[in-house]
Amino acid sequence: MTRILLIGPPGSGKGTQAHRLSGQLHIPEISTGDMFRSHLANGSPLGREIKEFLDAGNLVPDNLTTAMLRERLQERDARNGFLLDGYPRTVSQMDDLDGILDAAGTSLDAVVEITAHDDEIVRRLLLRSDAEGRSDDTEDVIRHRLELYRQETEPVIERYGRRALLVSVDGTADIDAVTVSALQGIEAVRARP
């Protein structure tokens, strides 16, 4: 069983690496962003609620995100491991995830932080916005999301660091190099006593 969390600011390359790592490790990729986008595309009531938060550059409330994740982790393909992408983003979500995992008698094996500088993130997300026509990727909204990330998610990263689960990887390196560094970091963390 391999249970990994991939964490990092929006636009750092988490999505790309989540796909690659889940394939290498043979575990499902569980992306809260993908779950949100599915609700948005379906125009569900939850999707409309999520859209209001995303369009303003705000995070979706923890209770909505946690409920979706709890349900997803109970699906058959996640029973032998998973790779989380985009959750937890807050200390409250981290506590919720700890509770979900404790109830299942499991814990995370490693936390991989993908890093990138703000200017690179803005450049990447503006390119993505042009390519995909995403309403949540204007420069002002991107910078607001980065500020929220610093306020909300950096304390999560610090806590995982204190638990000796954290591996930091430069997300601006070549895609293959990022994957290799992440896999090496995961193995190093798992080998710790």
N, C-alpha and C. Protein backbone atom coordinates (compact mmCIF):
# COMPACT_ATOMS: atom_id res chain seq x y z
N MET A 1 0.84 -1.19 0.00
CA MET A 1 0.00 0.00 0.00
C MET A 1 0.87 1.24 0.00
N THR A 2 0.52 2.17 -0.85
CA THR A 2 1.24 3.44 -0.93
C THR A 2 0.22 4.57 -0.87
N ARG A 3 0.38 5.43 0.12
CA ARG A 3 -0.52 6.56 0.30
C ARG A 3 0.32 7.84 0.28
N ILE A 4 0.14 8.61 -0.79
CA ILE A 4 0.98 9.79 -1.04
C ILE A 4 0.10 11.03 -1.12
N LEU A 5 0.60 12.13 -0.61
CA LEU A 5 -0.01 13.44 -0.81
C LEU A 5 0.94 14.27 -1.66
N LEU A 6 0.40 14.87 -2.71
CA LEU A 6 1.14 15.80 -3.56
C LEU A 6 0.61 17.19 -3.25
N ILE A 7 1.51 18.10 -2.89
CA ILE A 7 1.08 19.43 -2.45
C ILE A 7 1.95 20.49 -3.12
N GLY A 8 1.40 21.66 -3.33
CA GLY A 8 2.14 22.75 -3.94
C GLY A 8 1.17 23.79 -4.46
N PRO A 9 1.69 24.97 -4.80
CA PRO A 9 0.80 26.04 -5.26
C PRO A 9 0.15 25.70 -6.59
N PRO A 10 -0.97 26.36 -6.90
CA PRO A 10 -1.60 26.15 -8.21
C PRO A 10 -0.60 26.51 -9.31
N GLY A 11 -0.55 25.71 -10.36
CA GLY A 11 0.35 25.99 -11.46
C GLY A 11 1.76 25.47 -11.28
N SER A 12 2.02 24.75 -10.19
CA SER A 12 3.37 24.25 -9.92
C SER A 12 3.69 22.97 -10.69
N GLY A 13 2.67 22.37 -11.30
CA GLY A 13 2.88 21.13 -12.02
C GLY A 13 2.35 19.92 -11.28
N LYS A 14 1.57 20.15 -10.22
CA LYS A 14 1.02 19.04 -9.43
C LYS A 14 0.21 18.07 -10.28
N GLY A 15 -0.66 18.61 -11.12
CA GLY A 15 -1.52 17.75 -11.93
C GLY A 15 -0.74 16.82 -12.83
N THR A 16 0.27 17.37 -13.49
CA THR A 16 1.12 16.57 -14.38
C THR A 16 1.84 15.49 -13.58
N GLN A 17 2.41 15.88 -12.46
CA GLN A 17 3.17 14.92 -11.65
C GLN A 17 2.25 13.90 -10.98
N ALA A 18 1.05 14.32 -10.59
CA ALA A 18 0.11 13.38 -9.99
C ALA A 18 -0.20 12.25 -10.97
N HIS A 19 -0.44 12.61 -12.22
CA HIS A 19 -0.74 11.61 -13.24
C HIS A 19 0.44 10.65 -13.44
N ARG A 20 1.63 11.23 -13.55
CA ARG A 20 2.82 10.42 -13.77
C ARG A 20 3.13 9.52 -12.58
N LEU A 21 3.07 10.08 -11.38
CA LEU A 21 3.40 9.30 -10.17
C LEU A 21 2.37 8.21 -9.91
N SER A 22 1.09 8.52 -10.11
CA SER A 22 0.08 7.47 -9.88
C SER A 22 0.29 6.31 -10.84
N GLY A 23 0.71 6.60 -12.07
CA GLY A 23 1.01 5.54 -13.03
C GLY A 23 2.22 4.73 -12.61
N GLN A 24 3.26 5.42 -12.18
CA GLN A 24 4.49 4.73 -11.75
C GLN A 24 4.25 3.86 -10.51
N LEU A 25 3.42 4.37 -9.59
CA LEU A 25 3.18 3.68 -8.32
C LEU A 25 1.97 2.75 -8.37
N HIS A 26 1.24 2.77 -9.48
CA HIS A 26 0.06 1.91 -9.67
C HIS A 26 -1.01 2.14 -8.60
N ILE A 27 -1.27 3.42 -8.35
CA ILE A 27 -2.31 3.81 -7.39
C ILE A 27 -3.18 4.88 -8.06
N PRO A 28 -4.45 4.99 -7.65
CA PRO A 28 -5.31 6.00 -8.27
C PRO A 28 -4.92 7.41 -7.85
N GLU A 29 -5.03 8.30 -8.80
CA GLU A 29 -4.84 9.73 -8.54
C GLU A 29 -6.18 10.29 -8.12
N ILE A 30 -6.20 10.92 -6.95
CA ILE A 30 -7.44 11.51 -6.44
C ILE A 30 -7.23 13.01 -6.34
N SER A 31 -7.85 13.72 -7.27
CA SER A 31 -7.68 15.17 -7.37
C SER A 31 -8.97 15.87 -6.99
N THR A 32 -8.90 16.68 -5.94
CA THR A 32 -10.09 17.45 -5.58
C THR A 32 -10.43 18.42 -6.70
N GLY A 33 -9.42 18.94 -7.39
CA GLY A 33 -9.68 19.82 -8.52
C GLY A 33 -10.49 19.13 -9.60
N ASP A 34 -10.14 17.87 -9.90
CA ASP A 34 -10.90 17.11 -10.89
C ASP A 34 -12.32 16.87 -10.41
N MET A 35 -12.47 16.56 -9.12
CA MET A 35 -13.82 16.37 -8.58
C MET A 35 -14.62 17.67 -8.70
N PHE A 36 -13.99 18.80 -8.38
CA PHE A 36 -14.67 20.10 -8.52
C PHE A 36 -15.06 20.34 -9.97
N ARG A 37 -14.11 20.13 -10.90
CA ARG A 37 -14.39 20.40 -12.32
C ARG A 37 -15.51 19.51 -12.85
N SER A 38 -15.60 18.30 -12.36
CA SER A 38 -16.68 17.42 -12.76
C SER A 38 -18.03 18.00 -12.34
N HIS A 39 -18.10 18.48 -11.10
CA HIS A 39 -19.33 19.12 -10.63
C HIS A 39 -19.62 20.39 -11.42
N LEU A 40 -18.58 21.17 -11.75
CA LEU A 40 -18.77 22.39 -12.54
C LEU A 40 -19.31 22.05 -13.93
N ALA A 41 -18.71 21.05 -14.57
CA ALA A 41 -19.11 20.67 -15.93
C ALA A 41 -20.54 20.14 -15.95
N ASN A 42 -20.93 19.45 -14.89
CA ASN A 42 -22.28 18.89 -14.82
C ASN A 42 -23.32 19.93 -14.42
N GLY A 43 -22.85 21.11 -13.98
CA GLY A 43 -23.77 22.17 -13.57
C GLY A 43 -24.60 21.79 -12.36
N SER A 44 -24.05 20.92 -11.53
CA SER A 44 -24.77 20.48 -10.33
C SER A 44 -24.90 21.65 -9.35
N PRO A 45 -25.81 21.55 -8.39
CA PRO A 45 -25.90 22.61 -7.38
C PRO A 45 -24.55 22.83 -6.68
N LEU A 46 -23.85 21.72 -6.36
CA LEU A 46 -22.53 21.85 -5.75
C LEU A 46 -21.58 22.55 -6.71
N GLY A 47 -21.66 22.22 -7.99
CA GLY A 47 -20.82 22.87 -8.99
C GLY A 47 -21.03 24.37 -9.05
N ARG A 48 -22.28 24.80 -8.98
CA ARG A 48 -22.57 26.24 -9.00
C ARG A 48 -22.02 26.92 -7.76
N GLU A 49 -22.12 26.22 -6.62
CA GLU A 49 -21.58 26.77 -5.37
C GLU A 49 -20.05 26.87 -5.45
N ILE A 50 -19.42 25.83 -5.97
CA ILE A 50 -17.97 25.81 -6.13
C ILE A 50 -17.51 26.94 -7.05
N LYS A 51 -18.24 27.16 -8.15
CA LYS A 51 -17.87 28.17 -9.14
C LYS A 51 -17.78 29.56 -8.52
N GLU A 52 -18.69 29.88 -7.64
CA GLU A 52 -18.66 31.19 -6.98
C GLU A 52 -17.35 31.39 -6.22
N PHE A 53 -16.91 30.36 -5.51
CA PHE A 53 -15.66 30.46 -4.75
C PHE A 53 -14.46 30.57 -5.69
N LEU A 54 -14.40 29.72 -6.71
CA LEU A 54 -13.25 29.70 -7.62
C LEU A 54 -13.15 30.98 -8.43
N ASP A 55 -14.27 31.50 -8.90
CA ASP A 55 -14.25 32.73 -9.70
C ASP A 55 -13.73 33.91 -8.89
N ALA A 56 -13.94 33.88 -7.57
CA ALA A 56 -13.43 34.93 -6.70
C ALA A 56 -12.00 34.66 -6.25
N GLY A 57 -11.45 33.50 -6.65
CA GLY A 57 -10.08 33.15 -6.26
C GLY A 57 -9.99 32.60 -4.85
N ASN A 58 -11.12 32.21 -4.29
CA ASN A 58 -11.13 31.68 -2.93
C ASN A 58 -11.14 30.15 -2.94
N LEU A 59 -10.76 29.58 -1.81
CA LEU A 59 -10.79 28.14 -1.65
C LEU A 59 -12.22 27.67 -1.39
N VAL A 60 -12.52 26.48 -1.85
CA VAL A 60 -13.81 25.87 -1.57
C VAL A 60 -13.83 25.51 -0.08
N PRO A 61 -14.95 25.74 0.63
CA PRO A 61 -15.00 25.46 2.07
C PRO A 61 -14.64 24.00 2.39
N ASP A 62 -13.98 23.83 3.52
CA ASP A 62 -13.47 22.53 3.94
C ASP A 62 -14.55 21.46 4.00
N ASN A 63 -15.73 21.81 4.51
CA ASN A 63 -16.75 20.77 4.70
C ASN A 63 -17.17 20.16 3.36
N LEU A 64 -17.24 20.97 2.30
CA LEU A 64 -17.61 20.45 0.98
C LEU A 64 -16.50 19.54 0.44
N THR A 65 -15.28 20.01 0.56
CA THR A 65 -14.14 19.27 0.04
C THR A 65 -13.95 17.95 0.80
N THR A 66 -14.03 18.00 2.11
CA THR A 66 -13.82 16.80 2.94
C THR A 66 -14.89 15.75 2.67
N ALA A 67 -16.12 16.18 2.53
CA ALA A 67 -17.20 15.22 2.26
C ALA A 67 -16.96 14.49 0.94
N MET A 68 -16.54 15.24 -0.10
CA MET A 68 -16.25 14.60 -1.39
C MET A 68 -15.09 13.63 -1.26
N LEU A 69 -14.04 14.02 -0.53
CA LEU A 69 -12.87 13.16 -0.41
C LEU A 69 -13.17 11.90 0.40
N ARG A 70 -13.88 12.04 1.51
CA ARG A 70 -14.21 10.89 2.35
C ARG A 70 -14.92 9.83 1.51
N GLU A 71 -15.88 10.27 0.71
CA GLU A 71 -16.62 9.35 -0.15
C GLU A 71 -15.69 8.69 -1.17
N ARG A 72 -14.79 9.47 -1.76
CA ARG A 72 -13.90 8.93 -2.79
C ARG A 72 -12.92 7.90 -2.22
N LEU A 73 -12.41 8.14 -1.02
CA LEU A 73 -11.44 7.21 -0.42
C LEU A 73 -12.06 5.88 -0.05
N GLN A 74 -13.38 5.81 0.00
CA GLN A 74 -14.05 4.55 0.32
C GLN A 74 -14.29 3.69 -0.91
N GLU A 75 -13.98 4.23 -2.10
CA GLU A 75 -14.15 3.45 -3.32
C GLU A 75 -13.08 2.36 -3.39
N ARG A 76 -13.43 1.28 -4.06
CA ARG A 76 -12.60 0.08 -4.10
C ARG A 76 -11.17 0.35 -4.56
N ASP A 77 -10.98 1.16 -5.61
CA ASP A 77 -9.64 1.35 -6.17
C ASP A 77 -8.69 2.07 -5.22
N ALA A 78 -9.22 2.76 -4.20
CA ALA A 78 -8.38 3.51 -3.26
C ALA A 78 -8.03 2.70 -2.02
N ARG A 79 -8.54 1.50 -1.90
CA ARG A 79 -8.31 0.72 -0.68
C ARG A 79 -6.86 0.27 -0.52
N ASN A 80 -6.14 0.11 -1.62
CA ASN A 80 -4.75 -0.34 -1.55
C ASN A 80 -3.75 0.78 -1.80
N GLY A 81 -4.20 2.00 -1.64
CA GLY A 81 -3.32 3.14 -1.79
C GLY A 81 -3.92 4.18 -2.70
N PHE A 82 -3.31 5.36 -2.68
CA PHE A 82 -3.83 6.48 -3.47
C PHE A 82 -2.78 7.59 -3.50
N LEU A 83 -2.98 8.51 -4.42
CA LEU A 83 -2.19 9.72 -4.48
C LEU A 83 -3.17 10.88 -4.43
N LEU A 84 -3.10 11.68 -3.37
CA LEU A 84 -3.97 12.84 -3.21
C LEU A 84 -3.32 14.05 -3.88
N ASP A 85 -4.12 14.76 -4.67
CA ASP A 85 -3.66 15.99 -5.33
C ASP A 85 -4.66 17.09 -5.00
N GLY A 86 -4.22 18.05 -4.18
CA GLY A 86 -5.07 19.20 -3.89
C GLY A 86 -5.78 19.16 -2.56
N TYR A 87 -5.52 18.16 -1.76
CA TYR A 87 -6.14 18.04 -0.45
C TYR A 87 -5.20 17.28 0.46
N PRO A 88 -4.90 17.74 1.65
CA PRO A 88 -5.47 18.90 2.32
C PRO A 88 -4.75 20.19 1.95
N ARG A 89 -5.50 21.28 1.95
CA ARG A 89 -4.94 22.61 1.68
C ARG A 89 -4.89 23.46 2.94
N THR A 90 -5.63 23.07 3.96
CA THR A 90 -5.68 23.83 5.20
C THR A 90 -5.40 22.90 6.38
N VAL A 91 -5.04 23.51 7.52
CA VAL A 91 -4.80 22.72 8.73
C VAL A 91 -6.08 21.98 9.12
N SER A 92 -7.23 22.62 8.96
CA SER A 92 -8.50 21.96 9.28
C SER A 92 -8.71 20.73 8.39
N GLN A 93 -8.42 20.86 7.09
CA GLN A 93 -8.52 19.71 6.19
C GLN A 93 -7.52 18.64 6.57
N MET A 94 -6.33 19.05 6.99
CA MET A 94 -5.31 18.08 7.41
C MET A 94 -5.82 17.28 8.61
N ASP A 95 -6.44 17.98 9.56
CA ASP A 95 -7.02 17.29 10.72
C ASP A 95 -8.13 16.33 10.28
N ASP A 96 -8.96 16.78 9.32
CA ASP A 96 -10.02 15.91 8.79
C ASP A 96 -9.43 14.68 8.12
N LEU A 97 -8.38 14.87 7.32
CA LEU A 97 -7.74 13.74 6.65
C LEU A 97 -7.14 12.78 7.67
N ASP A 98 -6.49 13.32 8.70
CA ASP A 98 -5.96 12.46 9.76
C ASP A 98 -7.07 11.60 10.35
N GLY A 99 -8.24 12.21 10.57
CA GLY A 99 -9.36 11.47 11.13
C GLY A 99 -9.86 10.38 10.19
N ILE A 100 -9.94 10.70 8.90
CA ILE A 100 -10.38 9.72 7.90
C ILE A 100 -9.41 8.54 7.87
N LEU A 101 -8.10 8.85 7.83
CA LEU A 101 -7.09 7.81 7.75
C LEU A 101 -7.01 7.01 9.05
N ASP A 102 -7.09 7.69 10.20
CA ASP A 102 -7.07 6.99 11.48
C ASP A 102 -8.23 6.00 11.58
N ALA A 103 -9.41 6.44 11.14
CA ALA A 103 -10.59 5.57 11.19
C ALA A 103 -10.40 4.33 10.31
N ALA A 104 -9.61 4.47 9.24
CA ALA A 104 -9.34 3.35 8.34
C ALA A 104 -8.11 2.55 8.78
N GLY A 105 -7.45 3.00 9.85
CA GLY A 105 -6.25 2.31 10.33
C GLY A 105 -5.04 2.50 9.45
N THR A 106 -4.97 3.64 8.74
CA THR A 106 -3.86 3.91 7.84
C THR A 106 -3.29 5.30 8.11
N SER A 107 -2.24 5.64 7.36
CA SER A 107 -1.65 6.98 7.43
C SER A 107 -0.94 7.24 6.11
N LEU A 108 -0.51 8.46 5.92
CA LEU A 108 0.25 8.80 4.71
C LEU A 108 1.65 8.21 4.81
N ASP A 109 2.19 7.82 3.65
CA ASP A 109 3.57 7.33 3.58
C ASP A 109 4.56 8.45 3.31
N ALA A 110 4.13 9.44 2.52
CA ALA A 110 5.01 10.55 2.17
C ALA A 110 4.18 11.72 1.66
N VAL A 111 4.74 12.92 1.79
CA VAL A 111 4.13 14.14 1.26
C VAL A 111 5.16 14.79 0.34
N VAL A 112 4.80 14.92 -0.94
CA VAL A 112 5.70 15.50 -1.93
C VAL A 112 5.24 16.92 -2.22
N GLU A 113 6.11 17.88 -1.91
CA GLU A 113 5.83 19.29 -2.18
C GLU A 113 6.49 19.67 -3.50
N ILE A 114 5.68 20.13 -4.46
CA ILE A 114 6.19 20.63 -5.74
C ILE A 114 6.30 22.14 -5.59
N THR A 115 7.49 22.68 -5.79
CA THR A 115 7.71 24.11 -5.60
C THR A 115 7.91 24.84 -6.93
N ALA A 116 7.58 26.13 -6.95
CA ALA A 116 7.81 27.00 -8.11
C ALA A 116 7.67 28.44 -7.64
N HIS A 117 8.40 29.35 -8.27
CA HIS A 117 8.33 30.77 -7.93
C HIS A 117 7.03 31.38 -8.45
N ASP A 118 6.55 32.42 -7.77
CA ASP A 118 5.29 33.06 -8.13
C ASP A 118 5.24 33.50 -9.59
N ASP A 119 6.30 34.15 -10.08
CA ASP A 119 6.28 34.66 -11.46
C ASP A 119 6.14 33.52 -12.47
N GLU A 120 6.76 32.39 -12.20
CA GLU A 120 6.64 31.23 -13.09
C GLU A 120 5.21 30.68 -13.03
N ILE A 121 4.65 30.66 -11.84
CA ILE A 121 3.27 30.17 -11.70
C ILE A 121 2.31 31.08 -12.46
N VAL A 122 2.47 32.39 -12.31
CA VAL A 122 1.59 33.33 -13.03
C VAL A 122 1.73 33.11 -14.54
N ARG A 123 2.95 32.96 -15.03
CA ARG A 123 3.17 32.74 -16.46
C ARG A 123 2.47 31.47 -16.93
N ARG A 124 2.65 30.38 -16.19
CA ARG A 124 2.03 29.10 -16.56
C ARG A 124 0.51 29.19 -16.56
N LEU A 125 -0.06 29.79 -15.52
CA LEU A 125 -1.50 29.82 -15.40
C LEU A 125 -2.15 30.76 -16.42
N LEU A 126 -1.46 31.84 -16.77
CA LEU A 126 -1.99 32.71 -17.83
C LEU A 126 -1.98 31.99 -19.17
N LEU A 127 -0.94 31.20 -19.43
CA LEU A 127 -0.92 30.39 -20.66
C LEU A 127 -2.06 29.38 -20.65
N ARG A 128 -2.28 28.74 -19.51
CA ARG A 128 -3.36 27.77 -19.40
C ARG A 128 -4.72 28.45 -19.58
N SER A 129 -4.86 29.64 -19.02
CA SER A 129 -6.10 30.38 -19.16
C SER A 129 -6.41 30.67 -20.62
N ASP A 130 -5.37 31.10 -21.36
CA ASP A 130 -5.55 31.36 -22.79
C ASP A 130 -5.93 30.09 -23.54
N ALA A 131 -5.27 28.98 -23.20
CA ALA A 131 -5.51 27.73 -23.91
C ALA A 131 -6.87 27.11 -23.58
N GLU A 132 -7.30 27.24 -22.32
CA GLU A 132 -8.51 26.56 -21.88
C GLU A 132 -9.69 27.49 -21.64
N GLY A 133 -9.45 28.81 -21.70
CA GLY A 133 -10.54 29.75 -21.45
C GLY A 133 -11.09 29.68 -20.05
N ARG A 134 -10.21 29.48 -19.07
CA ARG A 134 -10.66 29.32 -17.68
C ARG A 134 -10.93 30.68 -17.04
N SER A 135 -12.11 30.83 -16.47
CA SER A 135 -12.51 32.11 -15.88
C SER A 135 -11.77 32.40 -14.57
N ASP A 136 -11.18 31.37 -13.95
CA ASP A 136 -10.53 31.58 -12.66
C ASP A 136 -9.04 31.88 -12.78
N ASP A 137 -8.54 32.09 -14.00
CA ASP A 137 -7.10 32.29 -14.17
C ASP A 137 -6.74 33.65 -14.76
N THR A 138 -7.22 34.74 -14.14
CA THR A 138 -6.73 36.07 -14.46
C THR A 138 -5.53 36.33 -13.55
N GLU A 139 -4.67 37.29 -13.91
CA GLU A 139 -3.48 37.53 -13.09
C GLU A 139 -3.84 37.93 -11.66
N ASP A 140 -4.83 38.80 -11.49
CA ASP A 140 -5.22 39.21 -10.14
C ASP A 140 -5.71 38.02 -9.32
N VAL A 141 -6.52 37.17 -9.92
CA VAL A 141 -7.04 36.00 -9.21
C VAL A 141 -5.90 35.03 -8.89
N ILE A 142 -4.98 34.85 -9.82
CA ILE A 142 -3.84 33.95 -9.60
C ILE A 142 -3.02 34.44 -8.40
N ARG A 143 -2.71 35.73 -8.38
CA ARG A 143 -1.91 36.26 -7.26
C ARG A 143 -2.66 36.16 -5.93
N HIS A 144 -3.97 36.35 -5.98
CA HIS A 144 -4.79 36.18 -4.77
C HIS A 144 -4.73 34.73 -4.30
N ARG A 145 -4.83 33.77 -5.23
CA ARG A 145 -4.76 32.35 -4.87
C ARG A 145 -3.40 32.01 -4.27
N LEU A 146 -2.34 32.62 -4.80
CA LEU A 146 -1.00 32.36 -4.25
C LEU A 146 -0.89 32.89 -2.82
N GLU A 147 -1.49 34.05 -2.57
CA GLU A 147 -1.48 34.60 -1.22
C GLU A 147 -2.28 33.69 -0.27
N LEU A 148 -3.43 33.22 -0.73
CA LEU A 148 -4.21 32.27 0.08
C LEU A 148 -3.41 31.00 0.34
N TYR A 149 -2.70 30.54 -0.67
CA TYR A 149 -1.87 29.35 -0.52
C TYR A 149 -0.85 29.56 0.61
N ARG A 150 -0.18 30.71 0.57
CA ARG A 150 0.82 30.98 1.62
C ARG A 150 0.17 30.99 3.00
N GLN A 151 -0.99 31.61 3.11
CA GLN A 151 -1.65 31.71 4.41
C GLN A 151 -2.21 30.38 4.88
N GLU A 152 -2.84 29.64 3.98
CA GLU A 152 -3.59 28.45 4.36
C GLU A 152 -2.78 27.15 4.29
N THR A 153 -1.93 27.01 3.28
CA THR A 153 -1.31 25.71 3.01
C THR A 153 0.11 25.60 3.56
N GLU A 154 0.84 26.69 3.64
CA GLU A 154 2.20 26.57 4.18
C GLU A 154 2.21 26.01 5.60
N PRO A 155 1.24 26.33 6.47
CA PRO A 155 1.23 25.68 7.79
C PRO A 155 1.04 24.16 7.70
N VAL A 156 0.30 23.69 6.69
CA VAL A 156 0.13 22.24 6.49
C VAL A 156 1.48 21.62 6.13
N ILE A 157 2.19 22.27 5.22
CA ILE A 157 3.51 21.78 4.79
C ILE A 157 4.46 21.72 5.98
N GLU A 158 4.43 22.76 6.82
CA GLU A 158 5.30 22.78 8.00
C GLU A 158 4.97 21.61 8.94
N ARG A 159 3.69 21.32 9.14
CA ARG A 159 3.30 20.22 10.03
C ARG A 159 3.76 18.87 9.48
N TYR A 160 3.61 18.67 8.15
CA TYR A 160 4.08 17.41 7.57
C TYR A 160 5.60 17.32 7.66
N GLY A 161 6.27 18.45 7.56
CA GLY A 161 7.72 18.46 7.73
C GLY A 161 8.12 18.00 9.12
N ARG A 162 7.39 18.45 10.13
CA ARG A 162 7.68 18.03 11.51
C ARG A 162 7.41 16.54 11.71
N ARG A 163 6.53 15.97 10.89
CA ARG A 163 6.25 14.53 10.96
C ARG A 163 7.25 13.70 10.16
N ALA A 164 8.23 14.36 9.56
CA ALA A 164 9.27 13.70 8.75
C ALA A 164 8.68 12.97 7.54
N LEU A 165 7.60 13.52 6.97
CA LEU A 165 6.99 12.93 5.78
C LEU A 165 7.28 13.73 4.51
N LEU A 166 7.88 14.92 4.65
CA LEU A 166 7.95 15.88 3.55
C LEU A 166 9.18 15.71 2.67
N VAL A 167 8.92 15.77 1.35
CA VAL A 167 9.96 15.80 0.33
C VAL A 167 9.66 17.01 -0.55
N SER A 168 10.63 17.92 -0.74
CA SER A 168 10.42 19.08 -1.62
C SER A 168 11.12 18.85 -2.95
N VAL A 169 10.41 19.14 -4.05
CA VAL A 169 10.91 18.91 -5.40
C VAL A 169 10.71 20.19 -6.20
N ASP A 170 11.73 20.60 -6.96
CA ASP A 170 11.66 21.79 -7.80
C ASP A 170 10.76 21.53 -9.01
N GLY A 171 9.58 22.14 -9.02
CA GLY A 171 8.62 21.95 -10.09
C GLY A 171 8.98 22.66 -11.38
N THR A 172 10.05 23.47 -11.38
CA THR A 172 10.44 24.16 -12.61
C THR A 172 11.48 23.37 -13.40
N ALA A 173 11.92 22.24 -12.85
CA ALA A 173 12.86 21.39 -13.57
C ALA A 173 12.14 20.67 -14.71
N ASP A 174 12.89 19.95 -15.52
CA ASP A 174 12.32 19.13 -16.59
C ASP A 174 11.30 18.16 -15.99
N ILE A 175 10.20 17.93 -16.70
CA ILE A 175 9.11 17.09 -16.19
C ILE A 175 9.62 15.72 -15.74
N ASP A 176 10.46 15.09 -16.55
CA ASP A 176 11.00 13.77 -16.17
C ASP A 176 11.84 13.85 -14.91
N ALA A 177 12.64 14.93 -14.80
CA ALA A 177 13.50 15.10 -13.62
C ALA A 177 12.66 15.29 -12.37
N VAL A 178 11.54 16.02 -12.49
CA VAL A 178 10.65 16.21 -11.34
C VAL A 178 10.09 14.87 -10.89
N THR A 179 9.66 14.06 -11.84
CA THR A 179 9.11 12.73 -11.51
C THR A 179 10.15 11.87 -10.80
N VAL A 180 11.35 11.81 -11.35
CA VAL A 180 12.42 11.01 -10.75
C VAL A 180 12.73 11.50 -9.34
N SER A 181 12.85 12.81 -9.16
CA SER A 181 13.14 13.36 -7.83
C SER A 181 12.03 13.02 -6.84
N ALA A 182 10.78 13.11 -7.30
CA ALA A 182 9.66 12.79 -6.42
C ALA A 182 9.69 11.32 -6.01
N LEU A 183 9.91 10.42 -6.97
CA LEU A 183 9.96 8.99 -6.65
C LEU A 183 11.11 8.67 -5.70
N GLN A 184 12.27 9.29 -5.92
CA GLN A 184 13.40 9.07 -5.03
C GLN A 184 13.09 9.59 -3.62
N GLY A 185 12.44 10.74 -3.56
CA GLY A 185 12.08 11.31 -2.27
C GLY A 185 11.09 10.44 -1.52
N ILE A 186 10.10 9.90 -2.23
CA ILE A 186 9.12 9.00 -1.61
C ILE A 186 9.82 7.79 -1.02
N GLU A 187 10.72 7.19 -1.79
CA GLU A 187 11.44 6.01 -1.28
C GLU A 187 12.30 6.37 -0.08
N ALA A 188 12.91 7.54 -0.11
CA ALA A 188 13.75 7.96 1.03
C ALA A 188 12.92 8.12 2.29
N VAL A 189 11.74 8.73 2.16
CA VAL A 189 10.87 8.93 3.33
C VAL A 189 10.39 7.58 3.86
N ARG A 190 10.00 6.68 2.95
CA ARG A 190 9.50 5.37 3.37
C ARG A 190 10.58 4.54 4.04
N ALA A 191 11.85 4.81 3.69
CA ALA A 191 12.96 4.04 4.27
C ALA A 191 13.36 4.54 5.65
N ARG A 192 12.85 5.70 6.06
CA ARG A 192 13.21 6.23 7.38
C ARG A 192 12.66 5.35 8.48
N PRO A 193 13.44 5.22 9.57
CA PRO A 193 12.96 4.38 10.68
C PRO A 193 11.77 5.02 11.40
